[in-house]
Amino acid sequence: LVMLLFYQSAKVAINKSSEVYTEKQKSLIDIFDKLSIIRKAGLSNRYLNLINSLSAEAAYQSYKSSFLTEIIDSLARGISLMSILATAIFGIHLIWANSISTGALIATLFIMWRVLAPAQSVCSTLSRVEKLRRAISQINSFMGLEDDKTTNVTKIQT
């Protein structure tokens, strides 16, 4: 239930974080390629401000994505622990009323733990799956690019 509520928000945050980080990397590559031209033109401060703003935006988006992921993980853990705690409290009352035995309560708690642990793990890995999906799409788009055309290649003689 928690995963369904927050899945779209987490997906949007992770995608935004990834896009900003990719934009930052592209800008850094462009700047390093044209570093001598930038220095000669006296535009170092302008590009330094650009790098700073892109880095700040990338850090902020990464923070938002991580924060949302931690909220989902915490909610999943909290719901899991609260349901086990509620079962234990309700089970203790049933033991006092001689409705169930202590062994039955322990068995019920073990079964609940075994059922809730995978659900909790799914919520915890939600962000990793989305990041992996995003990385796969970036690799696929990279692989779809045309090859560089090699011109004037000189062969090194051995």
C-alpha atoms as a PDB file:
ATOM      1  CA  LEU A   1       0.000   0.000   0.000  1.00  0.00           C
ATOM      2  CA  VAL A   2       2.823   2.399   0.914  1.00  0.00           C
ATOM      3  CA  MET A   3       4.640   1.529  -2.285  1.00  0.00           C
ATOM      4  CA  LEU A   4       1.569   2.261  -4.390  1.00  0.00           C
ATOM      5  CA  LEU A   5       1.020   5.620  -2.688  1.00  0.00           C
ATOM      6  CA  PHE A   6       4.565   6.877  -3.146  1.00  0.00           C
ATOM      7  CA  TYR A   7       5.713   5.078  -6.308  1.00  0.00           C
ATOM      8  CA  GLN A   8       4.896   7.897  -8.738  1.00  0.00           C
ATOM      9  CA  SER A   9       6.408  10.576  -6.486  1.00  0.00           C
ATOM     10  CA  ALA A  10       9.581   8.557  -6.070  1.00  0.00           C
ATOM     11  CA  LYS A  11       9.788   7.902  -9.798  1.00  0.00           C
ATOM     12  CA  VAL A  12       9.457  11.606 -10.621  1.00  0.00           C
ATOM     13  CA  ALA A  13      12.050  12.597  -7.996  1.00  0.00           C
ATOM     14  CA  ILE A  14      14.546   9.978  -9.162  1.00  0.00           C
ATOM     15  CA  ASN A  15      14.097  10.915 -12.825  1.00  0.00           C
ATOM     16  CA  LYS A  16      14.499  14.631 -12.062  1.00  0.00           C
ATOM     17  CA  SER A  17      17.630  13.928 -10.028  1.00  0.00           C
ATOM     18  CA  SER A  18      19.067  11.845 -12.837  1.00  0.00           C
ATOM     19  CA  GLU A  19      18.276  14.476 -15.478  1.00  0.00           C
ATOM     20  CA  VAL A  20      19.918  17.265 -13.487  1.00  0.00           C
ATOM     21  CA  TYR A  21      22.999  15.128 -12.823  1.00  0.00           C
ATOM     22  CA  THR A  22      23.255  14.264 -16.536  1.00  0.00           C
ATOM     23  CA  GLU A  23      22.949  17.951 -17.467  1.00  0.00           C
ATOM     24  CA  LYS A  24      25.711  18.777 -14.988  1.00  0.00           C
ATOM     25  CA  GLN A  25      27.989  16.106 -16.464  1.00  0.00           C
ATOM     26  CA  LYS A  26      27.364  17.309 -20.027  1.00  0.00           C
ATOM     27  CA  SER A  27      28.149  20.892 -19.010  1.00  0.00           C
ATOM     28  CA  LEU A  28      31.353  19.843 -17.288  1.00  0.00           C
ATOM     29  CA  ILE A  29      32.498  17.935 -20.360  1.00  0.00           C
ATOM     30  CA  ASP A  30      31.740  20.924 -22.585  1.00  0.00           C
ATOM     31  CA  ILE A  31      33.596  23.260 -20.260  1.00  0.00           C
ATOM     32  CA  PHE A  32      36.660  21.031 -20.067  1.00  0.00           C
ATOM     33  CA  ASP A  33      36.696  20.689 -23.852  1.00  0.00           C
ATOM     34  CA  LYS A  34      36.681  24.485 -24.243  1.00  0.00           C
ATOM     35  CA  LEU A  35      38.718  25.378 -21.163  1.00  0.00           C
ATOM     36  CA  SER A  36      41.476  27.258 -22.977  1.00  0.00           C
ATOM     37  CA  ILE A  37      38.938  29.298 -24.989  1.00  0.00           C
ATOM     38  CA  ILE A  38      36.997  30.134 -21.806  1.00  0.00           C
ATOM     39  CA  ARG A  39      40.153  31.308 -20.047  1.00  0.00           C
ATOM     40  CA  LYS A  40      41.298  33.405 -22.999  1.00  0.00           C
ATOM     41  CA  ALA A  41      37.887  35.063 -23.288  1.00  0.00           C
ATOM     42  CA  GLY A  42      37.847  35.825 -19.555  1.00  0.00           C
ATOM     43  CA  LEU A  43      34.654  33.877 -18.930  1.00  0.00           C
ATOM     44  CA  SER A  44      35.990  31.724 -16.107  1.00  0.00           C
ATOM     45  CA  ASN A  45      33.737  33.290 -13.451  1.00  0.00           C
ATOM     46  CA  ARG A  46      30.627  32.873 -15.588  1.00  0.00           C
ATOM     47  CA  TYR A  47      31.269  29.184 -16.113  1.00  0.00           C
ATOM     48  CA  LEU A  48      32.284  28.700 -12.486  1.00  0.00           C
ATOM     49  CA  ASN A  49      28.902  30.131 -11.472  1.00  0.00           C
ATOM     50  CA  LEU A  50      27.214  27.788 -13.951  1.00  0.00           C
ATOM     51  CA  ILE A  51      29.027  24.780 -12.461  1.00  0.00           C
ATOM     52  CA  ASN A  52      28.134  25.908  -8.939  1.00  0.00           C
ATOM     53  CA  SER A  53      24.459  26.324  -9.765  1.00  0.00           C
ATOM     54  CA  LEU A  54      24.286  22.972 -11.570  1.00  0.00           C
ATOM     55  CA  SER A  55      26.066  21.257  -8.674  1.00  0.00           C
ATOM     56  CA  ALA A  56      23.697  22.841  -6.177  1.00  0.00           C
ATOM     57  CA  GLU A  57      20.649  21.778  -8.198  1.00  0.00           C
ATOM     58  CA  ALA A  58      22.002  18.233  -8.595  1.00  0.00           C
ATOM     59  CA  ALA A  59      22.676  17.976  -4.855  1.00  0.00           C
ATOM     60  CA  TYR A  60      19.210  19.300  -4.020  1.00  0.00           C
ATOM     61  CA  GLN A  61      17.452  16.906  -6.388  1.00  0.00           C
ATOM     62  CA  SER A  62      19.513  14.012  -5.052  1.00  0.00           C
ATOM     63  CA  TYR A  63      18.559  15.044  -1.520  1.00  0.00           C
ATOM     64  CA  LYS A  64      14.860  15.161  -2.422  1.00  0.00           C
ATOM     65  CA  SER A  65      15.038  11.746  -4.056  1.00  0.00           C
ATOM     66  CA  SER A  66      16.919  10.204  -1.126  1.00  0.00           C
ATOM     67  CA  PHE A  67      14.611  11.823   1.415  1.00  0.00           C
ATOM     68  CA  LEU A  68      11.502  10.464  -0.301  1.00  0.00           C
ATOM     69  CA  THR A  69      13.088   7.026  -0.525  1.00  0.00           C
ATOM     70  CA  GLU A  70      13.895   7.094   3.188  1.00  0.00           C
ATOM     71  CA  ILE A  71      10.322   8.138   4.004  1.00  0.00           C
ATOM     72  CA  ILE A  72       8.982   5.166   2.035  1.00  0.00           C
ATOM     73  CA  ASP A  73      11.435   2.823   3.734  1.00  0.00           C
ATOM     74  CA  SER A  74      10.631   4.183   7.180  1.00  0.00           C
ATOM     75  CA  LEU A  75       6.892   3.935   6.614  1.00  0.00           C
ATOM     76  CA  ALA A  76       7.228   0.345   5.410  1.00  0.00           C
ATOM     77  CA  ARG A  77       9.319  -0.581   8.454  1.00  0.00           C
ATOM     78  CA  GLY A  78       6.951   1.246  10.787  1.00  0.00           C
ATOM     79  CA  ILE A  79       3.852  -0.421   9.385  1.00  0.00           C
ATOM     80  CA  SER A  80       5.544  -3.815   9.590  1.00  0.00           C
ATOM     81  CA  LEU A  81       6.634  -3.333  13.184  1.00  0.00           C
ATOM     82  CA  MET A  82       3.299  -1.842  14.260  1.00  0.00           C
ATOM     83  CA  SER A  83       1.353  -4.763  12.818  1.00  0.00           C
ATOM     84  CA  ILE A  84       3.609  -7.256  14.575  1.00  0.00           C
ATOM     85  CA  LEU A  85       3.333  -5.282  17.812  1.00  0.00           C
ATOM     86  CA  ALA A  86      -0.465  -5.118  17.501  1.00  0.00           C
ATOM     87  CA  THR A  87      -0.585  -8.871  16.901  1.00  0.00           C
ATOM     88  CA  ALA A  88       1.595  -9.483  19.949  1.00  0.00           C
ATOM     89  CA  ILE A  89      -0.557  -7.263  22.184  1.00  0.00           C
ATOM     90  CA  PHE A  90      -3.785  -8.803  20.903  1.00  0.00           C
ATOM     91  CA  GLY A  91      -2.228 -12.275  21.272  1.00  0.00           C
ATOM     92  CA  ILE A  92      -1.257 -11.610  24.893  1.00  0.00           C
ATOM     93  CA  HIS A  93      -4.865 -10.756  25.665  1.00  0.00           C
ATOM     94  CA  LEU A  94      -5.931 -14.003  23.977  1.00  0.00           C
ATOM     95  CA  ILE A  95      -3.383 -15.947  26.050  1.00  0.00           C
ATOM     96  CA  TRP A  96      -4.728 -14.369  29.260  1.00  0.00           C
ATOM     97  CA  ALA A  97      -8.241 -15.342  28.160  1.00  0.00           C
ATOM     98  CA  ASN A  98      -7.001 -18.924  27.525  1.00  0.00           C
ATOM     99  CA  SER A  99      -8.093 -18.696  23.876  1.00  0.00           C
ATOM    100  CA  ILE A 100      -4.666 -19.548  22.429  1.00  0.00           C
ATOM    101  CA  SER A 101      -1.418 -20.963  23.745  1.00  0.00           C
ATOM    102  CA  THR A 102       1.900 -19.159  23.986  1.00  0.00           C
ATOM    103  CA  GLY A 103       3.290 -21.371  21.229  1.00  0.00           C
ATOM    104  CA  ALA A 104       0.445 -20.369  18.916  1.00  0.00           C
ATOM    105  CA  LEU A 105       1.205 -16.676  19.484  1.00  0.00           C
ATOM    106  CA  ILE A 106       4.920 -17.205  18.814  1.00  0.00           C
ATOM    107  CA  ALA A 107       4.118 -19.188  15.666  1.00  0.00           C
ATOM    108  CA  THR A 108       1.745 -16.453  14.502  1.00  0.00           C
ATOM    109  CA  LEU A 109       4.403 -13.787  15.080  1.00  0.00           C
ATOM    110  CA  PHE A 110       6.986 -15.815  13.141  1.00  0.00           C
ATOM    111  CA  ILE A 111       4.585 -16.271  10.239  1.00  0.00           C
ATOM    112  CA  MET A 112       3.731 -12.567  10.222  1.00  0.00           C
ATOM    113  CA  TRP A 113       7.416 -11.667  10.257  1.00  0.00           C
ATOM    114  CA  ARG A 114       8.049 -14.004   7.308  1.00  0.00           C
ATOM    115  CA  VAL A 115       5.129 -12.512   5.366  1.00  0.00           C
ATOM    116  CA  LEU A 116       5.855  -8.848   6.099  1.00  0.00           C
ATOM    117  CA  ALA A 117       9.630  -8.965   5.540  1.00  0.00           C
ATOM    118  CA  PRO A 118       9.410  -9.421   1.732  1.00  0.00           C
ATOM    119  CA  ALA A 119       6.818  -6.646   1.457  1.00  0.00           C
ATOM    120  CA  GLN A 120       9.112  -4.374   3.436  1.00  0.00           C
ATOM    121  CA  SER A 121      12.033  -5.330   1.189  1.00  0.00           C
ATOM    122  CA  VAL A 122      10.026  -4.435  -1.913  1.00  0.00           C
ATOM    123  CA  CYS A 123       9.407  -0.949  -0.523  1.00  0.00           C
ATOM    124  CA  SER A 124      13.084  -0.608   0.373  1.00  0.00           C
ATOM    125  CA  THR A 125      14.292  -1.540  -3.101  1.00  0.00           C
ATOM    126  CA  LEU A 126      11.813   0.682  -4.934  1.00  0.00           C
ATOM    127  CA  SER A 127      14.324   3.462  -5.506  1.00  0.00           C
ATOM    128  CA  ARG A 128      17.066   1.083  -6.618  1.00  0.00           C
ATOM    129  CA  VAL A 129      14.768  -0.476  -9.199  1.00  0.00           C
ATOM    130  CA  GLU A 130      13.787   2.939 -10.537  1.00  0.00           C
ATOM    131  CA  LYS A 131      17.429   4.073 -10.698  1.00  0.00           C
ATOM    132  CA  LEU A 132      18.318   0.854 -12.509  1.00  0.00           C
ATOM    133  CA  ARG A 133      15.462   1.419 -14.950  1.00  0.00           C
ATOM    134  CA  ARG A 134      16.693   4.953 -15.591  1.00  0.00           C
ATOM    135  CA  ALA A 135      20.283   3.742 -16.122  1.00  0.00           C
ATOM    136  CA  ILE A 136      19.111   1.087 -18.589  1.00  0.00           C
ATOM    137  CA  SER A 137      17.171   3.676 -20.588  1.00  0.00           C
ATOM    138  CA  GLN A 138      20.236   5.950 -20.671  1.00  0.00           C
ATOM    139  CA  ILE A 139      22.425   3.082 -21.865  1.00  0.00           C
ATOM    140  CA  ASN A 140      19.856   2.169 -24.517  1.00  0.00           C
ATOM    141  CA  SER A 141      19.742   5.756 -25.770  1.00  0.00           C
ATOM    142  CA  PHE A 142      23.542   5.865 -25.785  1.00  0.00           C
ATOM    143  CA  MET A 143      23.716   2.636 -27.768  1.00  0.00           C
ATOM    144  CA  GLY A 144      21.262   4.090 -30.291  1.00  0.00           C
ATOM    145  CA  LEU A 145      23.627   6.921 -31.201  1.00  0.00           C
ATOM    146  CA  GLU A 146      25.424   6.788 -34.515  1.00  0.00           C
ATOM    147  CA  ASP A 147      29.045   5.736 -34.561  1.00  0.00           C
ATOM    148  CA  ASP A 148      31.699   8.377 -34.901  1.00  0.00           C
ATOM    149  CA  LYS A 149      32.913   8.665 -38.452  1.00  0.00           C
ATOM    150  CA  THR A 150      36.646   8.235 -38.575  1.00  0.00           C
ATOM    151  CA  THR A 151      38.426  10.379 -41.112  1.00  0.00           C
ATOM    152  CA  ASN A 152      42.115  10.749 -41.832  1.00  0.00           C
ATOM    153  CA  VAL A 153      43.028   7.811 -39.667  1.00  0.00           C
ATOM    154  CA  THR A 154      46.694   7.086 -39.810  1.00  0.00           C
ATOM    155  CA  LYS A 155      47.855   3.607 -39.125  1.00  0.00           C
ATOM    156  CA  ILE A 156      50.731   3.221 -36.747  1.00  0.00           C
ATOM    157  CA  GLN A 157      53.335   0.985 -38.257  1.00  0.00           C
ATOM    158  CA  THR A 158      54.884  -1.604 -36.045  1.00  0.00           C
END
